[in-house]
């Protein structure tokens, strides 16, 4: 009877399984190559997208044209169905003041 210690058994099994995995990877070299290159290709593609995005967003417009967008049109009844003009904004002081001005210029109740 040969007694194998649990520690030796673990390392023996690990060695056999690693060898098996390596042999399978060699046999299926196309799949292994795909598994290695896919993350690299995706990372390069994301880097390309980020570079394009950065170049588009970093274009400076020091003096953009200013134009009036006009008043917000009031909702009108259609087929005797009432409607309401609703505008949502976050509750921040400067936004509230801005929206009061927009409502005033559009003849809307604030």
PDB file of N, CA and C in Angstrom:
ATOM      1  N   UNK A   1       0.834  -1.188   0.000  1.00  0.00           N
ATOM      2  CA  UNK A   1       0.000   0.000   0.000  1.00  0.00           C
ATOM      3  C   UNK A   1       0.871   1.241   0.000  1.00  0.00           C
ATOM      4  N   UNK A   2       0.530   2.095  -0.916  1.00  0.00           N
ATOM      5  CA  UNK A   2       1.264   3.345  -1.041  1.00  0.00           C
ATOM      6  C   UNK A   2       0.425   4.451  -0.434  1.00  0.00           C
ATOM      7  N   UNK A   3       0.958   5.146   0.519  1.00  0.00           N
ATOM      8  CA  UNK A   3       0.215   6.250   1.133  1.00  0.00           C
ATOM      9  C   UNK A   3       0.729   7.554   0.544  1.00  0.00           C
ATOM     10  N   UNK A   4      -0.220   8.361   0.052  1.00  0.00           N
ATOM     11  CA  UNK A   4       0.124   9.667  -0.506  1.00  0.00           C
ATOM     12  C   UNK A   4      -0.438  10.714   0.439  1.00  0.00           C
ATOM     13  N   UNK A   5       0.424  11.629   0.814  1.00  0.00           N
ATOM     14  CA  UNK A   5      -0.044  12.667   1.727  1.00  0.00           C
ATOM     15  C   UNK A   5      -0.995  13.610   0.980  1.00  0.00           C
ATOM     16  N   UNK A   6      -1.957  14.214   1.681  1.00  0.00           N
ATOM     17  CA  UNK A   6      -2.908  15.125   1.031  1.00  0.00           C
ATOM     18  C   UNK A   6      -2.194  16.281   0.332  1.00  0.00           C
ATOM     19  N   UNK A   7      -1.090  16.765   0.899  1.00  0.00           N
ATOM     20  CA  UNK A   7      -0.372  17.881   0.295  1.00  0.00           C
ATOM     21  C   UNK A   7       0.238  17.452  -1.037  1.00  0.00           C
ATOM     22  N   UNK A   8       0.862  16.278  -1.070  1.00  0.00           N
ATOM     23  CA  UNK A   8       1.452  15.780  -2.308  1.00  0.00           C
ATOM     24  C   UNK A   8       0.366  15.496  -3.331  1.00  0.00           C
ATOM     25  N   UNK A   9      -0.745  14.980  -2.869  1.00  0.00           N
ATOM     26  CA  UNK A   9      -1.852  14.691  -3.777  1.00  0.00           C
ATOM     27  C   UNK A   9      -2.358  15.986  -4.422  1.00  0.00           C
ATOM     28  N   UNK A  10      -2.475  17.050  -3.656  1.00  0.00           N
ATOM     29  CA  UNK A  10      -2.930  18.331  -4.200  1.00  0.00           C
ATOM     30  C   UNK A  10      -1.990  18.821  -5.286  1.00  0.00           C
ATOM     31  N   UNK A  11      -0.696  18.822  -5.005  1.00  0.00           N
ATOM     32  CA  UNK A  11       0.267  19.343  -5.982  1.00  0.00           C
ATOM     33  C   UNK A  11       0.335  18.449  -7.209  1.00  0.00           C
ATOM     34  N   UNK A  12       0.193  17.161  -7.028  1.00  0.00           N
ATOM     35  CA  UNK A  12       0.182  16.238  -8.171  1.00  0.00           C
ATOM     36  C   UNK A  12      -1.036  16.500  -9.046  1.00  0.00           C
ATOM     37  N   UNK A  13      -2.191  16.632  -8.423  1.00  0.00           N
ATOM     38  CA  UNK A  13      -3.410  16.909  -9.192  1.00  0.00           C
ATOM     39  C   UNK A  13      -3.323  18.254  -9.888  1.00  0.00           C
ATOM     40  N   UNK A  14      -2.779  19.260  -9.217  1.00  0.00           N
ATOM     41  CA  UNK A  14      -2.637  20.579  -9.824  1.00  0.00           C
ATOM     42  C   UNK A  14      -1.734  20.505 -11.053  1.00  0.00           C
ATOM     43  N   UNK A  15      -0.625  19.783 -10.932  1.00  0.00           N
ATOM     44  CA  UNK A  15       0.314  19.644 -12.049  1.00  0.00           C
ATOM     45  C   UNK A  15      -0.351  18.943 -13.225  1.00  0.00           C
ATOM     46  N   UNK A  16      -1.098  17.863 -12.957  1.00  0.00           N
ATOM     47  CA  UNK A  16      -1.775  17.121 -14.022  1.00  0.00           C
ATOM     48  C   UNK A  16      -2.836  17.981 -14.695  1.00  0.00           C
ATOM     49  N   UNK A  17      -3.625  18.709 -13.913  1.00  0.00           N
ATOM     50  CA  UNK A  17      -4.675  19.558 -14.489  1.00  0.00           C
ATOM     51  C   UNK A  17      -4.088  20.717 -15.300  1.00  0.00           C
ATOM     52  N   UNK A  18      -3.005  21.309 -14.829  1.00  0.00           N
ATOM     53  CA  UNK A  18      -2.357  22.389 -15.587  1.00  0.00           C
ATOM     54  C   UNK A  18      -1.784  21.863 -16.893  1.00  0.00           C
ATOM     55  N   UNK A  19      -1.195  20.684 -16.847  1.00  0.00           N
ATOM     56  CA  UNK A  19      -0.663  20.073 -18.074  1.00  0.00           C
ATOM     57  C   UNK A  19      -1.793  19.786 -19.053  1.00  0.00           C
ATOM     58  N   UNK A  20      -2.886  19.254 -18.554  1.00  0.00           N
ATOM     59  CA  UNK A  20      -4.046  18.962 -19.408  1.00  0.00           C
ATOM     60  C   UNK A  20      -4.579  20.250 -20.048  1.00  0.00           C
ATOM     61  N   UNK A  21      -4.725  21.299 -19.248  1.00  0.00           N
ATOM     62  CA  UNK A  21      -5.220  22.579 -19.766  1.00  0.00           C
ATOM     63  C   UNK A  21      -4.285  23.137 -20.828  1.00  0.00           C
ATOM     64  N   UNK A  22      -2.991  23.025 -20.597  1.00  0.00           N
ATOM     65  CA  UNK A  22      -2.004  23.511 -21.564  1.00  0.00           C
ATOM     66  C   UNK A  22      -2.107  22.721 -22.871  1.00  0.00           C
ATOM     67  N   UNK A  23      -2.232  21.390 -22.781  1.00  0.00           N
ATOM     68  CA  UNK A  23      -2.340  20.566 -23.984  1.00  0.00           C
ATOM     69  C   UNK A  23      -3.614  20.885 -24.768  1.00  0.00           C
ATOM     70  N   UNK A  24      -4.714  21.110 -24.054  1.00  0.00           N
ATOM     71  CA  UNK A  24      -5.965  21.483 -24.732  1.00  0.00           C
ATOM     72  C   UNK A  24      -5.851  22.852 -25.399  1.00  0.00           C
ATOM     73  N   UNK A  25      -5.158  23.768 -24.750  1.00  0.00           N
ATOM     74  CA  UNK A  25      -4.969  25.096 -25.335  1.00  0.00           C
ATOM     75  C   UNK A  25      -4.117  25.019 -26.593  1.00  0.00           C
ATOM     76  N   UNK A  26      -3.094  24.140 -26.591  1.00  0.00           N
ATOM     77  CA  UNK A  26      -2.247  23.958 -27.766  1.00  0.00           C
ATOM     78  C   UNK A  26      -3.055  23.334 -28.902  1.00  0.00           C
ATOM     79  N   UNK A  27      -3.889  22.351 -28.580  1.00  0.00           N
ATOM     80  CA  UNK A  27      -4.705  21.695 -29.610  1.00  0.00           C
ATOM     81  C   UNK A  27      -5.694  22.678 -30.240  1.00  0.00           C
ATOM     82  N   UNK A  28      -6.308  23.499 -29.406  1.00  0.00           N
ATOM     83  CA  UNK A  28      -7.296  24.459 -29.897  1.00  0.00           C
ATOM     84  C   UNK A  28      -6.652  25.842 -29.909  1.00  0.00           C
ATOM     85  N   UNK A  29      -5.609  26.001 -30.702  1.00  0.00           N
ATOM     86  CA  UNK A  29      -4.821  27.225 -30.674  1.00  0.00           C
ATOM     87  C   UNK A  29      -5.604  28.429 -31.187  1.00  0.00           C
ATOM     88  N   UNK A  30      -6.530  28.221 -32.120  1.00  0.00           N
ATOM     89  CA  UNK A  30      -7.317  29.357 -32.634  1.00  0.00           C
ATOM     90  C   UNK A  30      -8.219  29.934 -31.540  1.00  0.00           C
ATOM     91  N   UNK A  31      -8.871  29.052 -30.797  1.00  0.00           N
ATOM     92  CA  UNK A  31      -9.729  29.504 -29.699  1.00  0.00           C
ATOM     93  C   UNK A  31      -8.920  30.173 -28.601  1.00  0.00           C
ATOM     94  N   UNK A  32      -7.751  29.602 -28.312  1.00  0.00           N
ATOM     95  CA  UNK A  32      -6.889  30.196 -27.279  1.00  0.00           C
ATOM     96  C   UNK A  32      -6.396  31.569 -27.705  1.00  0.00           C
ATOM     97  N   UNK A  33      -6.033  31.687 -28.981  1.00  0.00           N
ATOM     98  CA  UNK A  33      -5.582  32.976 -29.493  1.00  0.00           C
ATOM     99  C   UNK A  33      -6.719  34.003 -29.432  1.00  0.00           C
ATOM    100  N   UNK A  34      -7.933  33.560 -29.748  1.00  0.00           N
ATOM    101  CA  UNK A  34      -9.094  34.446 -29.653  1.00  0.00           C
ATOM    102  C   UNK A  34      -9.345  34.907 -28.238  1.00  0.00           C
ATOM    103  N   UNK A  35      -9.183  33.994 -27.283  1.00  0.00           N
ATOM    104  CA  UNK A  35      -9.383  34.356 -25.877  1.00  0.00           C
ATOM    105  C   UNK A  35      -8.333  35.352 -25.402  1.00  0.00           C
ATOM    106  N   UNK A  36      -7.152  35.271 -25.953  1.00  0.00           N
ATOM    107  CA  UNK A  36      -6.095  36.206 -25.561  1.00  0.00           C
ATOM    108  C   UNK A  36      -6.240  37.558 -26.255  1.00  0.00           C
ATOM    109  N   UNK A  37      -6.655  37.557 -27.512  1.00  0.00           N
ATOM    110  CA  UNK A  37      -6.680  38.797 -28.285  1.00  0.00           C
ATOM    111  C   UNK A  37      -7.985  39.581 -28.172  1.00  0.00           C
ATOM    112  N   UNK A  38      -9.081  38.932 -27.802  1.00  0.00           N
ATOM    113  CA  UNK A  38     -10.365  39.631 -27.704  1.00  0.00           C
ATOM    114  C   UNK A  38     -10.331  40.778 -26.696  1.00  0.00           C
ATOM    115  N   UNK A  39      -9.840  40.599 -25.469  1.00  0.00           N
ATOM    116  CA  UNK A  39      -9.786  41.737 -24.544  1.00  0.00           C
ATOM    117  C   UNK A  39      -8.879  42.864 -25.049  1.00  0.00           C
ATOM    118  N   UNK A  40      -7.803  42.503 -25.728  1.00  0.00           N
ATOM    119  CA  UNK A  40      -6.898  43.523 -26.278  1.00  0.00           C
ATOM    120  C   UNK A  40      -7.618  44.309 -27.371  1.00  0.00           C
ATOM    121  N   UNK A  41      -8.337  43.605 -28.261  1.00  0.00           N
ATOM    122  CA  UNK A  41      -9.061  44.272 -29.340  1.00  0.00           C
ATOM    123  C   UNK A  41     -10.154  45.178 -28.787  1.00  0.00           C
ATOM    124  N   UNK A  42     -10.893  44.718 -27.781  1.00  0.00           N
ATOM    125  CA  UNK A  42     -11.960  45.535 -27.186  1.00  0.00           C
ATOM    126  C   UNK A  42     -11.361  46.758 -26.505  1.00  0.00           C
ATOM    127  N   UNK A  43     -10.254  46.585 -25.801  1.00  0.00           N
ATOM    128  CA  UNK A  43      -9.608  47.721 -25.135  1.00  0.00           C
ATOM    129  C   UNK A  43      -9.132  48.749 -26.155  1.00  0.00           C
ATOM    130  N   UNK A  44      -8.548  48.285 -27.257  1.00  0.00           N
ATOM    131  CA  UNK A  44      -8.095  49.208 -28.307  1.00  0.00           C
ATOM    132  C   UNK A  44      -9.274  49.930 -28.955  1.00  0.00           C
ATOM    133  N   UNK A  45     -10.376  49.215 -29.150  1.00  0.00           N
ATOM    134  CA  UNK A  45     -11.566  49.833 -29.730  1.00  0.00           C
ATOM    135  C   UNK A  45     -12.130  50.906 -28.787  1.00  0.00           C
ATOM    136  N   UNK A  46     -12.190  50.619 -27.488  1.00  0.00           N
ATOM    137  CA  UNK A  46     -12.675  51.607 -26.515  1.00  0.00           C
ATOM    138  C   UNK A  46     -11.742  52.811 -26.454  1.00  0.00           C
ATOM    139  N   UNK A  47     -10.438  52.563 -26.550  1.00  0.00           N
ATOM    140  CA  UNK A  47      -9.471  53.656 -26.558  1.00  0.00           C
ATOM    141  C   UNK A  47      -9.673  54.534 -27.786  1.00  0.00           C
ATOM    142  N   UNK A  48      -9.929  53.914 -28.934  1.00  0.00           N
ATOM    143  CA  UNK A  48     -10.191  54.671 -30.160  1.00  0.00           C
ATOM    144  C   UNK A  48     -11.447  55.526 -30.012  1.00  0.00           C
ATOM    145  N   UNK A  49     -12.522  54.931 -29.483  1.00  0.00           N
ATOM    146  CA  UNK A  49     -13.760  55.690 -29.274  1.00  0.00           C
ATOM    147  C   UNK A  49     -13.526  56.867 -28.329  1.00  0.00           C
ATOM    148  N   UNK A  50     -12.774  56.636 -27.250  1.00  0.00           N
ATOM    149  CA  UNK A  50     -12.508  57.707 -26.289  1.00  0.00           C
ATOM    150  C   UNK A  50     -11.687  58.818 -26.928  1.00  0.00           C
ATOM    151  N   UNK A  51     -10.702  58.452 -27.749  1.00  0.00           N
ATOM    152  CA  UNK A  51      -9.874  59.453 -28.433  1.00  0.00           C
ATOM    153  C   UNK A  51     -10.708  60.289 -29.391  1.00  0.00           C
ATOM    154  N   UNK A  52     -11.578  59.636 -30.156  1.00  0.00           N
ATOM    155  CA  UNK A  52     -12.459  60.362 -31.084  1.00  0.00           C
ATOM    156  C   UNK A  52     -13.384  61.285 -30.302  1.00  0.00           C
ATOM    157  N   UNK A  53     -13.957  60.777 -29.219  1.00  0.00           N
ATOM    158  CA  UNK A  53     -14.864  61.575 -28.392  1.00  0.00           C
ATOM    159  C   UNK A  53     -14.145  62.786 -27.808  1.00  0.00           C
ATOM    160  N   UNK A  54     -12.943  62.569 -27.289  1.00  0.00           N
ATOM    161  CA  UNK A  54     -12.181  63.686 -26.721  1.00  0.00           C
ATOM    162  C   UNK A  54     -11.869  64.737 -27.774  1.00  0.00           C
ATOM    163  N   UNK A  55     -11.524  64.307 -28.980  1.00  0.00           N
ATOM    164  CA  UNK A  55     -11.192  65.284 -30.016  1.00  0.00           C
ATOM    165  C   UNK A  55     -12.426  66.072 -30.437  1.00  0.00           C
ATOM    166  N   UNK A  56     -13.602  65.441 -30.411  1.00  0.00           N
ATOM    167  CA  UNK A  56     -14.831  66.152 -30.776  1.00  0.00           C
ATOM    168  C   UNK A  56     -15.272  67.109 -29.677  1.00  0.00           C
ATOM    169  N   UNK A  57     -15.129  66.690 -28.404  1.00  0.00           N
ATOM    170  CA  UNK A  57     -15.602  67.523 -27.306  1.00  0.00           C
ATOM    171  C   UNK A  57     -14.635  68.639 -26.946  1.00  0.00           C
ATOM    172  N   UNK A  58     -13.382  68.508 -27.304  1.00  0.00           N
ATOM    173  CA  UNK A  58     -12.396  69.522 -26.938  1.00  0.00           C
ATOM    174  C   UNK A  58     -12.313  70.665 -27.935  1.00  0.00           C
ATOM    175  N   UNK A  59     -13.172  70.651 -28.925  1.00  0.00           N
ATOM    176  CA  UNK A  59     -13.182  71.781 -29.865  1.00  0.00           C
ATOM    177  C   UNK A  59     -13.674  73.006 -29.120  1.00  0.00           C
ATOM    178  N   UNK A  60     -12.905  74.019 -29.201  1.00  0.00           N
ATOM    179  CA  UNK A  60     -13.270  75.230 -28.468  1.00  0.00           C
ATOM    180  C   UNK A  60     -14.148  76.130 -29.325  1.00  0.00           C
ATOM    181  N   UNK A  61     -15.153  76.665 -28.697  1.00  0.00           N
ATOM    182  CA  UNK A  61     -15.995  77.670 -29.324  1.00  0.00           C
ATOM    183  C   UNK A  61     -15.982  78.856 -28.380  1.00  0.00           C
ATOM    184  N   UNK A  62     -14.992  79.746 -28.533  1.00  0.00           N
ATOM    185  CA  UNK A  62     -14.844  80.823 -27.552  1.00  0.00           C
ATOM    186  C   UNK A  62     -16.033  81.771 -27.513  1.00  0.00           C
ATOM    187  N   UNK A  63     -16.641  82.034 -28.641  1.00  0.00           N
ATOM    188  CA  UNK A  63     -17.770  82.960 -28.688  1.00  0.00           C
ATOM    189  C   UNK A  63     -18.910  82.324 -29.478  1.00  0.00           C
ATOM    190  N   UNK A  64     -19.644  81.413 -28.865  1.00  0.00           N
ATOM    191  CA  UNK A  64     -20.742  80.781 -29.612  1.00  0.00           C
ATOM    192  C   UNK A  64     -21.836  81.807 -29.913  1.00  0.00           C
ATOM    193  N   UNK A  65     -22.551  81.540 -30.992  1.00  0.00           N
ATOM    194  CA  UNK A  65     -23.641  82.427 -31.375  1.00  0.00           C
ATOM    195  C   UNK A  65     -24.743  82.368 -30.329  1.00  0.00           C
ATOM    196  N   UNK A  66     -25.319  83.523 -30.023  1.00  0.00           N
ATOM    197  CA  UNK A  66     -26.416  83.611 -29.072  1.00  0.00           C
ATOM    198  C   UNK A  66     -27.680  83.888 -29.870  1.00  0.00           C
ATOM    199  N   UNK A  67     -28.704  83.101 -29.604  1.00  0.00           N
ATOM    200  CA  UNK A  67     -29.965  83.339 -30.289  1.00  0.00           C
ATOM    201  C   UNK A  67     -31.107  83.048 -29.335  1.00  0.00           C
ATOM    202  N   UNK A  68     -32.207  83.710 -29.569  1.00  0.00           N
ATOM    203  CA  UNK A  68     -33.379  83.581 -28.725  1.00  0.00           C
ATOM    204  C   UNK A  68     -34.188  82.371 -29.177  1.00  0.00           C
ATOM    205  N   UNK A  69     -34.528  81.492 -28.248  1.00  0.00           N
ATOM    206  CA  UNK A  69     -35.303  80.314 -28.626  1.00  0.00           C
ATOM    207  C   UNK A  69     -36.799  80.600 -28.632  1.00  0.00           C
ATOM    208  N   UNK A  70     -37.176  81.772 -28.187  1.00  0.00           N
ATOM    209  CA  UNK A  70     -38.582  82.141 -28.207  1.00  0.00           C
ATOM    210  C   UNK A  70     -39.338  81.587 -27.014  1.00  0.00           C
ATOM    211  N   UNK A  71     -40.603  81.971 -26.882  1.00  0.00           N
ATOM    212  CA  UNK A  71     -41.386  81.522 -25.735  1.00  0.00           C
ATOM    213  C   UNK A  71     -41.798  80.056 -25.883  1.00  0.00           C
ATOM    214  N   UNK A  72     -42.109  79.455 -24.751  1.00  0.00           N
ATOM    215  CA  UNK A  72     -42.611  78.081 -24.746  1.00  0.00           C
ATOM    216  C   UNK A  72     -44.088  78.134 -25.126  1.00  0.00           C
ATOM    217  N   UNK A  73     -44.506  77.375 -26.129  1.00  0.00           N
ATOM    218  CA  UNK A  73     -45.913  77.450 -26.532  1.00  0.00           C
ATOM    219  C   UNK A  73     -46.825  76.895 -25.441  1.00  0.00           C
ATOM    220  N   UNK A  74     -47.950  77.605 -25.236  1.00  0.00           N
ATOM    221  CA  UNK A  74     -48.921  77.181 -24.236  1.00  0.00           C
ATOM    222  C   UNK A  74     -49.723  76.005 -24.772  1.00  0.00           C
ATOM    223  N   UNK A  75     -50.009  75.076 -23.892  1.00  0.00           N
ATOM    224  CA  UNK A  75     -50.817  73.924 -24.263  1.00  0.00           C
ATOM    225  C   UNK A  75     -52.250  74.398 -24.483  1.00  0.00           C
ATOM    226  N   UNK A  76     -52.881  73.941 -25.542  1.00  0.00           N
ATOM    227  CA  UNK A  76     -54.260  74.345 -25.829  1.00  0.00           C
ATOM    228  C   UNK A  76     -55.169  73.123 -25.814  1.00  0.00           C
ATOM    229  N   UNK A  77     -56.443  73.388 -25.522  1.00  0.00           N
ATOM    230  CA  UNK A  77     -57.410  72.288 -25.469  1.00  0.00           C
ATOM    231  C   UNK A  77     -57.600  71.685 -26.850  1.00  0.00           C
ATOM    232  N   UNK A  78     -57.825  70.365 -26.858  1.00  0.00           N
ATOM    233  CA  UNK A  78     -58.088  69.670 -28.110  1.00  0.00           C
ATOM    234  C   UNK A  78     -59.219  68.690 -27.859  1.00  0.00           C
ATOM    235  N   UNK A  79     -60.298  68.802 -28.593  1.00  0.00           N
ATOM    236  CA  UNK A  79     -61.498  67.959 -28.410  1.00  0.00           C
ATOM    237  C   UNK A  79     -62.025  68.049 -26.981  1.00  0.00           C
ATOM    238  N   UNK A  80     -62.073  69.265 -26.449  1.00  0.00           N
ATOM    239  CA  UNK A  80     -62.573  69.539 -25.098  1.00  0.00           C
ATOM    240  C   UNK A  80     -61.805  68.800 -23.999  1.00  0.00           C
ATOM    241  N   UNK A  81     -60.553  68.465 -24.249  1.00  0.00           N
ATOM    242  CA  UNK A  81     -59.697  67.833 -23.245  1.00  0.00           C
ATOM    243  C   UNK A  81     -58.705  68.883 -22.777  1.00  0.00           C
ATOM    244  N   UNK A  82     -58.740  69.175 -21.467  1.00  0.00           N
ATOM    245  CA  UNK A  82     -57.835  70.184 -20.932  1.00  0.00           C
ATOM    246  C   UNK A  82     -56.406  69.655 -20.889  1.00  0.00           C
ATOM    247  N   UNK A  83     -55.473  70.550 -21.053  1.00  0.00           N
ATOM    248  CA  UNK A  83     -54.067  70.155 -20.941  1.00  0.00           C
ATOM    249  C   UNK A  83     -53.324  71.272 -20.210  1.00  0.00           C
ATOM    250  N   UNK A  84     -52.175  70.933 -19.698  1.00  0.00           N
ATOM    251  CA  UNK A  84     -51.374  71.869 -18.915  1.00  0.00           C
ATOM    252  C   UNK A  84     -49.949  71.884 -19.439  1.00  0.00           C
ATOM    253  N   UNK A  85     -49.369  73.054 -19.464  1.00  0.00           N
ATOM    254  CA  UNK A  85     -47.964  73.174 -19.817  1.00  0.00           C
ATOM    255  C   UNK A  85     -47.158  72.969 -18.552  1.00  0.00           C
ATOM    256  N   UNK A  86     -46.344  71.923 -18.520  1.00  0.00           N
ATOM    257  CA  UNK A  86     -45.580  71.575 -17.330  1.00  0.00           C
ATOM    258  C   UNK A  86     -44.093  71.580 -17.679  1.00  0.00           C
ATOM    259  N   UNK A  87     -43.319  72.213 -16.829  1.00  0.00           N
ATOM    260  CA  UNK A  87     -41.868  72.224 -16.997  1.00  0.00           C
ATOM    261  C   UNK A  87     -41.264  71.783 -15.673  1.00  0.00           C
ATOM    262  N   UNK A  88     -40.389  70.781 -15.735  1.00  0.00           N
ATOM    263  CA  UNK A  88     -39.722  70.310 -14.526  1.00  0.00           C
ATOM    264  C   UNK A  88     -38.311  70.856 -14.481  1.00  0.00           C
ATOM    265  N   UNK A  89     -37.909  71.335 -13.330  1.00  0.00           N
ATOM    266  CA  UNK A  89     -36.525  71.764 -13.112  1.00  0.00           C
ATOM    267  C   UNK A  89     -36.119  71.363 -11.707  1.00  0.00           C
ATOM    268  N   UNK A  90     -34.824  71.170 -11.488  1.00  0.00           N
ATOM    269  CA  UNK A  90     -34.384  70.889 -10.115  1.00  0.00           C
ATOM    270  C   UNK A  90     -34.582  72.123  -9.246  1.00  0.00           C
ATOM    271  N   UNK A  91     -34.749  71.937  -7.944  1.00  0.00           N
ATOM    272  CA  UNK A  91     -35.014  73.051  -7.037  1.00  0.00           C
ATOM    273  C   UNK A  91     -33.679  73.634  -6.561  1.00  0.00           C
ATOM    274  N   UNK A  92     -33.147  74.489  -7.412  1.00  0.00           N
ATOM    275  CA  UNK A  92     -31.914  75.221  -7.119  1.00  0.00           C
ATOM    276  C   UNK A  92     -32.243  76.691  -7.354  1.00  0.00           C
ATOM    277  N   UNK A  93     -31.733  77.572  -6.509  1.00  0.00           N
ATOM    278  CA  UNK A  93     -32.135  78.979  -6.565  1.00  0.00           C
ATOM    279  C   UNK A  93     -31.971  79.601  -7.951  1.00  0.00           C
ATOM    280  N   UNK A  94     -30.797  79.437  -8.557  1.00  0.00           N
ATOM    281  CA  UNK A  94     -30.577  80.104  -9.851  1.00  0.00           C
ATOM    282  C   UNK A  94     -31.436  79.489 -10.950  1.00  0.00           C
ATOM    283  N   UNK A  95     -31.727  78.167 -10.853  1.00  0.00           N
ATOM    284  CA  UNK A  95     -32.589  77.536 -11.851  1.00  0.00           C
ATOM    285  C   UNK A  95     -34.022  78.024 -11.670  1.00  0.00           C
ATOM    286  N   UNK A  96     -34.454  78.151 -10.420  1.00  0.00           N
ATOM    287  CA  UNK A  96     -35.807  78.645 -10.146  1.00  0.00           C
ATOM    288  C   UNK A  96     -35.978  80.058 -10.696  1.00  0.00           C
ATOM    289  N   UNK A  97     -34.995  80.903 -10.484  1.00  0.00           N
ATOM    290  CA  UNK A  97     -35.066  82.278 -11.003  1.00  0.00           C
ATOM    291  C   UNK A  97     -35.095  82.284 -12.530  1.00  0.00           C
ATOM    292  N   UNK A  98     -34.268  81.440 -13.128  1.00  0.00           N
ATOM    293  CA  UNK A  98     -34.234  81.346 -14.589  1.00  0.00           C
ATOM    294  C   UNK A  98     -35.589  80.892 -15.116  1.00  0.00           C
ATOM    295  N   UNK A  99     -36.195  79.885 -14.479  1.00  0.00           N
ATOM    296  CA  UNK A  99     -37.474  79.373 -14.950  1.00  0.00           C
ATOM    297  C   UNK A  99     -38.606  80.382 -14.707  1.00  0.00           C
ATOM    298  N   UNK A 100     -38.502  81.198 -13.659  1.00  0.00           N
ATOM    299  CA  UNK A 100     -39.481  82.273 -13.469  1.00  0.00           C
ATOM    300  C   UNK A 100     -39.409  83.249 -14.630  1.00  0.00           C
ATOM    301  N   UNK A 101     -38.198  83.578 -15.043  1.00  0.00           N
ATOM    302  CA  UNK A 101     -38.025  84.481 -16.185  1.00  0.00           C
ATOM    303  C   UNK A 101     -38.563  83.866 -17.462  1.00  0.00           C
ATOM    304  N   UNK A 102     -38.333  82.579 -17.675  1.00  0.00           N
ATOM    305  CA  UNK A 102     -38.849  81.904 -18.871  1.00  0.00           C
ATOM    306  C   UNK A 102     -40.374  81.883 -18.843  1.00  0.00           C
ATOM    307  N   UNK A 103     -40.949  81.554 -17.676  1.00  0.00           N
ATOM    308  CA  UNK A 103     -42.410  81.538 -17.561  1.00  0.00           C
ATOM    309  C   UNK A 103     -42.985  82.924 -17.790  1.00  0.00           C
ATOM    310  N   UNK A 104     -42.356  83.952 -17.263  1.00  0.00           N
ATOM    311  CA  UNK A 104     -42.827  85.325 -17.443  1.00  0.00           C
ATOM    312  C   UNK A 104     -42.788  85.722 -18.911  1.00  0.00           C
ATOM    313  N   UNK A 105     -41.676  85.375 -19.599  1.00  0.00           N
ATOM    314  CA  UNK A 105     -41.570  85.751 -21.008  1.00  0.00           C
ATOM    315  C   UNK A 105     -42.493  84.916 -21.897  1.00  0.00           C
ATOM    316  N   UNK A 106     -42.958  83.766 -21.402  1.00  0.00           N
ATOM    317  CA  UNK A 106     -43.851  82.898 -22.184  1.00  0.00           C
ATOM    318  C   UNK A 106     -45.321  83.050 -21.776  1.00  0.00           C
ATOM    319  N   UNK A 107     -45.609  84.004 -20.885  1.00  0.00           N
ATOM    320  CA  UNK A 107     -46.969  84.209 -20.382  1.00  0.00           C
ATOM    321  C   UNK A 107     -47.525  82.954 -19.727  1.00  0.00           C
ATOM    322  N   UNK A 108     -46.704  82.291 -18.921  1.00  0.00           N
ATOM    323  CA  UNK A 108     -47.126  81.101 -18.198  1.00  0.00           C
ATOM    324  C   UNK A 108     -47.154  81.407 -16.707  1.00  0.00           C
ATOM    325  N   UNK A 109     -47.970  80.694 -15.953  1.00  0.00           N
ATOM    326  CA  UNK A 109     -48.006  80.829 -14.512  1.00  0.00           C
ATOM    327  C   UNK A 109     -46.832  80.040 -13.928  1.00  0.00           C
ATOM    328  N   UNK A 110     -46.197  80.633 -12.927  1.00  0.00           N
ATOM    329  CA  UNK A 110     -45.095  79.917 -12.283  1.00  0.00           C
ATOM    330  C   UNK A 110     -45.487  79.535 -10.888  1.00  0.00           C
TER     331      UNK A 110
END
